[in-house]
ModelCIF file with pLDDT and N, C-alpha, C, O atoms, coordinates in Angstrom:
data_MODEL
#
_entry.id   MODEL 
#
_entity.id                         1 
_entity.type                       polymer 
_entity.pdbx_number_of_molecules   1 
#
_entity_poly.entity_id                      1 
_entity_poly.type                           'polypeptide(L)' 
_entity_poly.nstd_linkage                   no 
_entity_poly.nstd_monomer                   no 
_entity_poly.pdbx_seq_one_letter_code       
;(UNK)(UNK)(UNK)(UNK)(UNK)(UNK)(UNK)(UNK)(UNK)(UNK)(UNK)(UNK)(UNK)(UNK)(UNK)(UNK)
(UNK)(UNK)(UNK)(UNK)(UNK)(UNK)(UNK)(UNK)(UNK)(UNK)(UNK)(UNK)(UNK)(UNK)(UNK)(UNK)
(UNK)(UNK)(UNK)(UNK)(UNK)(UNK)
;
_entity_poly.pdbx_seq_one_letter_code_can   XXXXXXXXXXXXXXXXXXXXXXXXXXXXXXXXXXXXXX 
_entity_poly.pdbx_strand_id                 A 
#
loop_
_entity_poly_seq.entity_id 
_entity_poly_seq.num 
_entity_poly_seq.mon_id 
_entity_poly_seq.hetero 
1 1  UNK n 
1 2  UNK n 
1 3  UNK n 
1 4  UNK n 
1 5  UNK n 
1 6  UNK n 
1 7  UNK n 
1 8  UNK n 
1 9  UNK n 
1 10 UNK n 
1 11 UNK n 
1 12 UNK n 
1 13 UNK n 
1 14 UNK n 
1 15 UNK n 
1 16 UNK n 
1 17 UNK n 
1 18 UNK n 
1 19 UNK n 
1 20 UNK n 
1 21 UNK n 
1 22 UNK n 
1 23 UNK n 
1 24 UNK n 
1 25 UNK n 
1 26 UNK n 
1 27 UNK n 
1 28 UNK n 
1 29 UNK n 
1 30 UNK n 
1 31 UNK n 
1 32 UNK n 
1 33 UNK n 
1 34 UNK n 
1 35 UNK n 
1 36 UNK n 
1 37 UNK n 
1 38 UNK n 
#
_struct_asym.id          A 
_struct_asym.entity_id   1 
#
loop_
_ma_qa_metric.id 
_ma_qa_metric.mode 
_ma_qa_metric.name 
_ma_qa_metric.software_group_id 
_ma_qa_metric.type 
1 global pLDDT . pLDDT 
2 local  pLDDT . pLDDT 
#
_ma_qa_metric_global.metric_id      1 
_ma_qa_metric_global.metric_value   95.11 
_ma_qa_metric_global.model_id       1 
_ma_qa_metric_global.ordinal_id     1 
#
loop_
_ma_qa_metric_local.label_asym_id 
_ma_qa_metric_local.label_comp_id 
_ma_qa_metric_local.label_seq_id 
_ma_qa_metric_local.metric_id 
_ma_qa_metric_local.metric_value 
_ma_qa_metric_local.model_id 
_ma_qa_metric_local.ordinal_id 
A UNK 1  2 97.00 1 1  
A UNK 2  2 97.00 1 2  
A UNK 3  2 96.00 1 3  
A UNK 4  2 96.00 1 4  
A UNK 5  2 96.00 1 5  
A UNK 6  2 96.00 1 6  
A UNK 7  2 96.00 1 7  
A UNK 8  2 96.00 1 8  
A UNK 9  2 95.00 1 9  
A UNK 10 2 95.00 1 10 
A UNK 11 2 96.00 1 11 
A UNK 12 2 96.00 1 12 
A UNK 13 2 95.00 1 13 
A UNK 14 2 95.00 1 14 
A UNK 15 2 95.00 1 15 
A UNK 16 2 94.00 1 16 
A UNK 17 2 95.00 1 17 
A UNK 18 2 96.00 1 18 
A UNK 19 2 96.00 1 19 
A UNK 20 2 96.00 1 20 
A UNK 21 2 94.00 1 21 
A UNK 22 2 92.00 1 22 
A UNK 23 2 87.00 1 23 
A UNK 24 2 91.00 1 24 
A UNK 25 2 94.00 1 25 
A UNK 26 2 96.00 1 26 
A UNK 27 2 95.00 1 27 
A UNK 28 2 94.00 1 28 
A UNK 29 2 95.00 1 29 
A UNK 30 2 96.00 1 30 
A UNK 31 2 96.00 1 31 
A UNK 32 2 96.00 1 32 
A UNK 33 2 96.00 1 33 
A UNK 34 2 96.00 1 34 
A UNK 35 2 96.00 1 35 
A UNK 36 2 95.00 1 36 
A UNK 37 2 96.00 1 37 
A UNK 38 2 95.00 1 38 
#
loop_
_atom_site.group_PDB 
_atom_site.id 
_atom_site.type_symbol 
_atom_site.label_atom_id 
_atom_site.label_alt_id 
_atom_site.label_comp_id 
_atom_site.label_asym_id 
_atom_site.label_entity_id 
_atom_site.label_seq_id 
_atom_site.pdbx_PDB_ins_code 
_atom_site.Cartn_x 
_atom_site.Cartn_y 
_atom_site.Cartn_z 
_atom_site.occupancy 
_atom_site.B_iso_or_equiv 
_atom_site.pdbx_formal_charge 
_atom_site.auth_seq_id 
_atom_site.auth_comp_id 
_atom_site.auth_asym_id 
_atom_site.auth_atom_id 
_atom_site.pdbx_PDB_model_num 
ATOM 1   N N  . UNK A 1 1  ? 0.853   -1.219 -0.008  1.00 97.00 ? 1  UNK A N  1 
ATOM 2   C CA . UNK A 1 1  ? -0.006  -0.009 0.018   1.00 97.00 ? 1  UNK A CA 1 
ATOM 3   C C  . UNK A 1 1  ? 0.868   1.245  -0.004  1.00 97.00 ? 1  UNK A C  1 
ATOM 4   O O  . UNK A 1 1  ? 0.551   2.202  -0.712  1.00 97.00 ? 1  UNK A O  1 
ATOM 5   N N  . UNK A 1 2  ? 1.934   1.255  0.740   1.00 97.00 ? 2  UNK A N  1 
ATOM 6   C CA . UNK A 1 2  ? 2.837   2.393  0.781   1.00 97.00 ? 2  UNK A CA 1 
ATOM 7   C C  . UNK A 1 2  ? 3.525   2.634  -0.564  1.00 97.00 ? 2  UNK A C  1 
ATOM 8   O O  . UNK A 1 2  ? 3.669   3.776  -1.000  1.00 97.00 ? 2  UNK A O  1 
ATOM 9   N N  . UNK A 1 3  ? 3.954   1.534  -1.223  1.00 96.00 ? 3  UNK A N  1 
ATOM 10  C CA . UNK A 1 3  ? 4.549   1.656  -2.559  1.00 96.00 ? 3  UNK A CA 1 
ATOM 11  C C  . UNK A 1 3  ? 3.546   2.212  -3.580  1.00 96.00 ? 3  UNK A C  1 
ATOM 12  O O  . UNK A 1 3  ? 3.864   3.071  -4.403  1.00 96.00 ? 3  UNK A O  1 
ATOM 13  N N  . UNK A 1 4  ? 2.346   1.690  -3.487  1.00 96.00 ? 4  UNK A N  1 
ATOM 14  C CA . UNK A 1 4  ? 1.287   2.137  -4.434  1.00 96.00 ? 4  UNK A CA 1 
ATOM 15  C C  . UNK A 1 4  ? 0.955   3.603  -4.228  1.00 96.00 ? 4  UNK A C  1 
ATOM 16  O O  . UNK A 1 4  ? 0.725   4.338  -5.189  1.00 96.00 ? 4  UNK A O  1 
ATOM 17  N N  . UNK A 1 5  ? 0.932   4.018  -2.989  1.00 96.00 ? 5  UNK A N  1 
ATOM 18  C CA . UNK A 1 5  ? 0.654   5.464  -2.701  1.00 96.00 ? 5  UNK A CA 1 
ATOM 19  C C  . UNK A 1 5  ? 1.730   6.336  -3.256  1.00 96.00 ? 5  UNK A C  1 
ATOM 20  O O  . UNK A 1 5  ? 1.430   7.404  -3.789  1.00 96.00 ? 5  UNK A O  1 
ATOM 21  N N  . UNK A 1 6  ? 2.992   5.929  -3.156  1.00 96.00 ? 6  UNK A N  1 
ATOM 22  C CA . UNK A 1 6  ? 4.090   6.766  -3.739  1.00 96.00 ? 6  UNK A CA 1 
ATOM 23  C C  . UNK A 1 6  ? 3.968   6.825  -5.251  1.00 96.00 ? 6  UNK A C  1 
ATOM 24  O O  . UNK A 1 6  ? 4.218   7.870  -5.851  1.00 96.00 ? 6  UNK A O  1 
ATOM 25  N N  . UNK A 1 7  ? 3.582   5.700  -5.884  1.00 96.00 ? 7  UNK A N  1 
ATOM 26  C CA . UNK A 1 7  ? 3.363   5.728  -7.336  1.00 96.00 ? 7  UNK A CA 1 
ATOM 27  C C  . UNK A 1 7  ? 2.256   6.724  -7.706  1.00 96.00 ? 7  UNK A C  1 
ATOM 28  O O  . UNK A 1 7  ? 2.389   7.512  -8.642  1.00 96.00 ? 7  UNK A O  1 
ATOM 29  N N  . UNK A 1 8  ? 1.161   6.662  -6.939  1.00 96.00 ? 8  UNK A N  1 
ATOM 30  C CA . UNK A 1 8  ? 0.012   7.541  -7.253  1.00 96.00 ? 8  UNK A CA 1 
ATOM 31  C C  . UNK A 1 8  ? 0.442   9.011  -7.114  1.00 96.00 ? 8  UNK A C  1 
ATOM 32  O O  . UNK A 1 8  ? 0.053   9.856  -7.921  1.00 96.00 ? 8  UNK A O  1 
ATOM 33  N N  . UNK A 1 9  ? 1.254   9.310  -6.074  1.00 95.00 ? 9  UNK A N  1 
ATOM 34  C CA . UNK A 1 9  ? 1.668   10.706 -5.899  1.00 95.00 ? 9  UNK A CA 1 
ATOM 35  C C  . UNK A 1 9  ? 2.494   11.215 -7.058  1.00 95.00 ? 9  UNK A C  1 
ATOM 36  O O  . UNK A 1 9  ? 2.439   12.402 -7.380  1.00 95.00 ? 9  UNK A O  1 
ATOM 37  N N  . UNK A 1 10 ? 3.284   10.316 -7.712  1.00 95.00 ? 10 UNK A N  1 
ATOM 38  C CA . UNK A 1 10 ? 4.134   10.763 -8.832  1.00 95.00 ? 10 UNK A CA 1 
ATOM 39  C C  . UNK A 1 10 ? 3.319   11.135 -10.043 1.00 95.00 ? 10 UNK A C  1 
ATOM 40  O O  . UNK A 1 10 ? 3.730   12.022 -10.791 1.00 95.00 ? 10 UNK A O  1 
ATOM 41  N N  . UNK A 1 11 ? 2.192   10.509 -10.276 1.00 96.00 ? 11 UNK A N  1 
ATOM 42  C CA . UNK A 1 11 ? 1.469   10.688 -11.535 1.00 96.00 ? 11 UNK A CA 1 
ATOM 43  C C  . UNK A 1 11 ? 0.153   11.420 -11.363 1.00 96.00 ? 11 UNK A C  1 
ATOM 44  O O  . UNK A 1 11 ? -0.536  11.683 -12.348 1.00 96.00 ? 11 UNK A O  1 
ATOM 45  N N  . UNK A 1 12 ? -0.213  11.756 -10.126 1.00 96.00 ? 12 UNK A N  1 
ATOM 46  C CA . UNK A 1 12 ? -1.518  12.350 -9.874  1.00 96.00 ? 12 UNK A CA 1 
ATOM 47  C C  . UNK A 1 12 ? -1.451  13.895 -10.205 1.00 96.00 ? 12 UNK A C  1 
ATOM 48  O O  . UNK A 1 12 ? -1.150  14.733 -9.355  1.00 96.00 ? 12 UNK A O  1 
ATOM 49  N N  . UNK A 1 13 ? -1.745  14.180 -11.452 1.00 95.00 ? 13 UNK A N  1 
ATOM 50  C CA . UNK A 1 13 ? -1.693  15.586 -11.899 1.00 95.00 ? 13 UNK A CA 1 
ATOM 51  C C  . UNK A 1 13 ? -2.965  15.944 -12.625 1.00 95.00 ? 13 UNK A C  1 
ATOM 52  O O  . UNK A 1 13 ? -3.567  15.134 -13.331 1.00 95.00 ? 13 UNK A O  1 
ATOM 53  N N  . UNK A 1 14 ? -3.361  17.223 -12.420 1.00 95.00 ? 14 UNK A N  1 
ATOM 54  C CA . UNK A 1 14 ? -4.494  17.766 -13.132 1.00 95.00 ? 14 UNK A CA 1 
ATOM 55  C C  . UNK A 1 14 ? -4.025  19.019 -13.833 1.00 95.00 ? 14 UNK A C  1 
ATOM 56  O O  . UNK A 1 14 ? -3.581  19.963 -13.179 1.00 95.00 ? 14 UNK A O  1 
ATOM 57  N N  . UNK A 1 15 ? -4.114  19.049 -15.143 1.00 95.00 ? 15 UNK A N  1 
ATOM 58  C CA . UNK A 1 15 ? -3.624  20.164 -15.973 1.00 95.00 ? 15 UNK A CA 1 
ATOM 59  C C  . UNK A 1 15 ? -4.776  21.133 -16.237 1.00 95.00 ? 15 UNK A C  1 
ATOM 60  O O  . UNK A 1 15 ? -5.809  20.770 -16.800 1.00 95.00 ? 15 UNK A O  1 
ATOM 61  N N  . UNK A 1 16 ? -4.564  22.359 -15.816 1.00 94.00 ? 16 UNK A N  1 
ATOM 62  C CA . UNK A 1 16 ? -5.603  23.377 -16.037 1.00 94.00 ? 16 UNK A CA 1 
ATOM 63  C C  . UNK A 1 16 ? -5.055  24.462 -16.989 1.00 94.00 ? 16 UNK A C  1 
ATOM 64  O O  . UNK A 1 16 ? -3.948  24.968 -16.808 1.00 94.00 ? 16 UNK A O  1 
ATOM 65  N N  . UNK A 1 17 ? -5.859  24.797 -17.997 1.00 95.00 ? 17 UNK A N  1 
ATOM 66  C CA . UNK A 1 17 ? -5.554  25.925 -18.859 1.00 95.00 ? 17 UNK A CA 1 
ATOM 67  C C  . UNK A 1 17 ? -6.617  26.993 -18.589 1.00 95.00 ? 17 UNK A C  1 
ATOM 68  O O  . UNK A 1 17 ? -7.808  26.764 -18.801 1.00 95.00 ? 17 UNK A O  1 
ATOM 69  N N  . UNK A 1 18 ? -6.181  28.136 -18.129 1.00 96.00 ? 18 UNK A N  1 
ATOM 70  C CA . UNK A 1 18 ? -7.102  29.207 -17.730 1.00 96.00 ? 18 UNK A CA 1 
ATOM 71  C C  . UNK A 1 18 ? -7.352  30.200 -18.885 1.00 96.00 ? 18 UNK A C  1 
ATOM 72  O O  . UNK A 1 18 ? -6.449  30.590 -19.625 1.00 96.00 ? 18 UNK A O  1 
ATOM 73  N N  . UNK A 1 19 ? -8.610  30.570 -18.983 1.00 96.00 ? 19 UNK A N  1 
ATOM 74  C CA . UNK A 1 19 ? -9.009  31.582 -19.981 1.00 96.00 ? 19 UNK A CA 1 
ATOM 75  C C  . UNK A 1 19 ? -9.646  32.724 -19.216 1.00 96.00 ? 19 UNK A C  1 
ATOM 76  O O  . UNK A 1 19 ? -10.696 32.560 -18.596 1.00 96.00 ? 19 UNK A O  1 
ATOM 77  N N  . UNK A 1 20 ? -8.985  33.921 -19.264 1.00 96.00 ? 20 UNK A N  1 
ATOM 78  C CA . UNK A 1 20 ? -9.494  35.055 -18.507 1.00 96.00 ? 20 UNK A CA 1 
ATOM 79  C C  . UNK A 1 20 ? -9.912  36.171 -19.469 1.00 96.00 ? 20 UNK A C  1 
ATOM 80  O O  . UNK A 1 20 ? -9.424  36.276 -20.594 1.00 96.00 ? 20 UNK A O  1 
ATOM 81  N N  . UNK A 1 21 ? -10.819 36.981 -18.982 1.00 94.00 ? 21 UNK A N  1 
ATOM 82  C CA . UNK A 1 21 ? -11.346 38.070 -19.833 1.00 94.00 ? 21 UNK A CA 1 
ATOM 83  C C  . UNK A 1 21 ? -10.306 39.204 -19.884 1.00 94.00 ? 21 UNK A C  1 
ATOM 84  O O  . UNK A 1 21 ? -9.486  39.352 -18.978 1.00 94.00 ? 21 UNK A O  1 
ATOM 85  N N  . UNK A 1 22 ? -10.360 39.997 -20.960 1.00 92.00 ? 22 UNK A N  1 
ATOM 86  C CA . UNK A 1 22 ? -9.483  41.162 -21.087 1.00 92.00 ? 22 UNK A CA 1 
ATOM 87  C C  . UNK A 1 22 ? -10.181 42.423 -20.584 1.00 92.00 ? 22 UNK A C  1 
ATOM 88  O O  . UNK A 1 22 ? -9.717  43.530 -20.859 1.00 92.00 ? 22 UNK A O  1 
ATOM 89  N N  . UNK A 1 23 ? -11.238 42.284 -19.884 1.00 87.00 ? 23 UNK A N  1 
ATOM 90  C CA . UNK A 1 23 ? -11.970 43.414 -19.300 1.00 87.00 ? 23 UNK A CA 1 
ATOM 91  C C  . UNK A 1 23 ? -13.478 43.160 -19.302 1.00 87.00 ? 23 UNK A C  1 
ATOM 92  O O  . UNK A 1 23 ? -14.132 43.357 -18.277 1.00 87.00 ? 23 UNK A O  1 
ATOM 93  N N  . UNK A 1 24 ? -14.031 42.736 -20.411 1.00 91.00 ? 24 UNK A N  1 
ATOM 94  C CA . UNK A 1 24 ? -15.467 42.464 -20.491 1.00 91.00 ? 24 UNK A CA 1 
ATOM 95  C C  . UNK A 1 24 ? -15.708 41.024 -20.052 1.00 91.00 ? 24 UNK A C  1 
ATOM 96  O O  . UNK A 1 24 ? -15.113 40.098 -20.605 1.00 91.00 ? 24 UNK A O  1 
ATOM 97  N N  . UNK A 1 25 ? -16.582 40.831 -19.055 1.00 94.00 ? 25 UNK A N  1 
ATOM 98  C CA . UNK A 1 25 ? -16.872 39.460 -18.588 1.00 94.00 ? 25 UNK A CA 1 
ATOM 99  C C  . UNK A 1 25 ? -17.510 38.606 -19.682 1.00 94.00 ? 25 UNK A C  1 
ATOM 100 O O  . UNK A 1 25 ? -18.104 39.118 -20.632 1.00 94.00 ? 25 UNK A O  1 
ATOM 101 N N  . UNK A 1 26 ? -17.369 37.280 -19.519 1.00 96.00 ? 26 UNK A N  1 
ATOM 102 C CA . UNK A 1 26 ? -17.954 36.329 -20.442 1.00 96.00 ? 26 UNK A CA 1 
ATOM 103 C C  . UNK A 1 26 ? -19.412 36.123 -20.129 1.00 96.00 ? 26 UNK A C  1 
ATOM 104 O O  . UNK A 1 26 ? -19.760 35.862 -18.977 1.00 96.00 ? 26 UNK A O  1 
ATOM 105 N N  . UNK A 1 27 ? -20.278 36.231 -21.117 1.00 95.00 ? 27 UNK A N  1 
ATOM 106 C CA . UNK A 1 27 ? -21.701 36.028 -20.875 1.00 95.00 ? 27 UNK A CA 1 
ATOM 107 C C  . UNK A 1 27 ? -22.031 34.555 -20.865 1.00 95.00 ? 27 UNK A C  1 
ATOM 108 O O  . UNK A 1 27 ? -21.503 33.782 -21.665 1.00 95.00 ? 27 UNK A O  1 
ATOM 109 N N  . UNK A 1 28 ? -22.935 34.157 -19.929 1.00 94.00 ? 28 UNK A N  1 
ATOM 110 C CA . UNK A 1 28 ? -23.311 32.751 -19.765 1.00 94.00 ? 28 UNK A CA 1 
ATOM 111 C C  . UNK A 1 28 ? -23.892 32.162 -21.051 1.00 94.00 ? 28 UNK A C  1 
ATOM 112 O O  . UNK A 1 28 ? -23.622 31.001 -21.359 1.00 94.00 ? 28 UNK A O  1 
ATOM 113 N N  . UNK A 1 29 ? -24.660 32.906 -21.792 1.00 95.00 ? 29 UNK A N  1 
ATOM 114 C CA . UNK A 1 29 ? -25.284 32.394 -22.991 1.00 95.00 ? 29 UNK A CA 1 
ATOM 115 C C  . UNK A 1 29 ? -24.226 32.073 -24.048 1.00 95.00 ? 29 UNK A C  1 
ATOM 116 O O  . UNK A 1 29 ? -24.366 31.083 -24.766 1.00 95.00 ? 29 UNK A O  1 
ATOM 117 N N  . UNK A 1 30 ? -23.174 32.886 -24.160 1.00 96.00 ? 30 UNK A N  1 
ATOM 118 C CA . UNK A 1 30 ? -22.120 32.579 -25.083 1.00 96.00 ? 30 UNK A CA 1 
ATOM 119 C C  . UNK A 1 30 ? -21.317 31.379 -24.670 1.00 96.00 ? 30 UNK A C  1 
ATOM 120 O O  . UNK A 1 30 ? -20.906 30.586 -25.517 1.00 96.00 ? 30 UNK A O  1 
ATOM 121 N N  . UNK A 1 31 ? -21.081 31.226 -23.367 1.00 96.00 ? 31 UNK A N  1 
ATOM 122 C CA . UNK A 1 31 ? -20.367 30.075 -22.837 1.00 96.00 ? 31 UNK A CA 1 
ATOM 123 C C  . UNK A 1 31 ? -21.127 28.795 -23.186 1.00 96.00 ? 31 UNK A C  1 
ATOM 124 O O  . UNK A 1 31 ? -20.537 27.819 -23.649 1.00 96.00 ? 31 UNK A O  1 
ATOM 125 N N  . UNK A 1 32 ? -22.438 28.811 -22.958 1.00 96.00 ? 32 UNK A N  1 
ATOM 126 C CA . UNK A 1 32 ? -23.249 27.621 -23.270 1.00 96.00 ? 32 UNK A CA 1 
ATOM 127 C C  . UNK A 1 32 ? -23.226 27.270 -24.754 1.00 96.00 ? 32 UNK A C  1 
ATOM 128 O O  . UNK A 1 32 ? -23.115 26.095 -25.105 1.00 96.00 ? 32 UNK A O  1 
ATOM 129 N N  . UNK A 1 33 ? -23.326 28.244 -25.608 1.00 96.00 ? 33 UNK A N  1 
ATOM 130 C CA . UNK A 1 33 ? -23.325 27.996 -27.045 1.00 96.00 ? 33 UNK A CA 1 
ATOM 131 C C  . UNK A 1 33 ? -21.993 27.412 -27.522 1.00 96.00 ? 33 UNK A C  1 
ATOM 132 O O  . UNK A 1 33 ? -21.966 26.498 -28.347 1.00 96.00 ? 33 UNK A O  1 
ATOM 133 N N  . UNK A 1 34 ? -20.856 27.966 -26.979 1.00 96.00 ? 34 UNK A N  1 
ATOM 134 C CA . UNK A 1 34 ? -19.575 27.459 -27.396 1.00 96.00 ? 34 UNK A CA 1 
ATOM 135 C C  . UNK A 1 34 ? -19.310 26.027 -26.841 1.00 96.00 ? 34 UNK A C  1 
ATOM 136 O O  . UNK A 1 34 ? -18.726 25.177 -27.514 1.00 96.00 ? 34 UNK A O  1 
ATOM 137 N N  . UNK A 1 35 ? -19.764 25.809 -25.596 1.00 96.00 ? 35 UNK A N  1 
ATOM 138 C CA . UNK A 1 35 ? -19.564 24.518 -24.988 1.00 96.00 ? 35 UNK A CA 1 
ATOM 139 C C  . UNK A 1 35 ? -20.347 23.439 -25.725 1.00 96.00 ? 35 UNK A C  1 
ATOM 140 O O  . UNK A 1 35 ? -19.816 22.361 -25.990 1.00 96.00 ? 35 UNK A O  1 
ATOM 141 N N  . UNK A 1 36 ? -21.590 23.714 -26.053 1.00 95.00 ? 36 UNK A N  1 
ATOM 142 C CA . UNK A 1 36 ? -22.393 22.715 -26.754 1.00 95.00 ? 36 UNK A CA 1 
ATOM 143 C C  . UNK A 1 36 ? -21.868 22.469 -28.150 1.00 95.00 ? 36 UNK A C  1 
ATOM 144 O O  . UNK A 1 36 ? -21.907 21.342 -28.643 1.00 95.00 ? 36 UNK A O  1 
ATOM 145 N N  . UNK A 1 37 ? -21.369 23.537 -28.804 1.00 96.00 ? 37 UNK A N  1 
ATOM 146 C CA . UNK A 1 37 ? -20.793 23.358 -30.135 1.00 96.00 ? 37 UNK A CA 1 
ATOM 147 C C  . UNK A 1 37 ? -19.531 22.486 -30.090 1.00 96.00 ? 37 UNK A C  1 
ATOM 148 O O  . UNK A 1 37 ? -19.203 21.828 -31.078 1.00 96.00 ? 37 UNK A O  1 
ATOM 149 N N  . UNK A 1 38 ? -18.838 22.476 -28.980 1.00 95.00 ? 38 UNK A N  1 
ATOM 150 C CA . UNK A 1 38 ? -17.614 21.674 -28.785 1.00 95.00 ? 38 UNK A CA 1 
ATOM 151 C C  . UNK A 1 38 ? -17.962 20.228 -28.280 1.00 95.00 ? 38 UNK A C  1 
ATOM 152 O O  . UNK A 1 38 ? -17.062 19.417 -28.063 1.00 95.00 ? 38 UNK A O  1 
#
């Protein structure tokens, strides 16, 4: 169990790519349309 936990710690990664506004907030309706299209 200890060996398995060390293995899990080495590969347990979550990659996040952030998208931030340049001033004008993102509208919820546009987010929904883009998400469904994807």
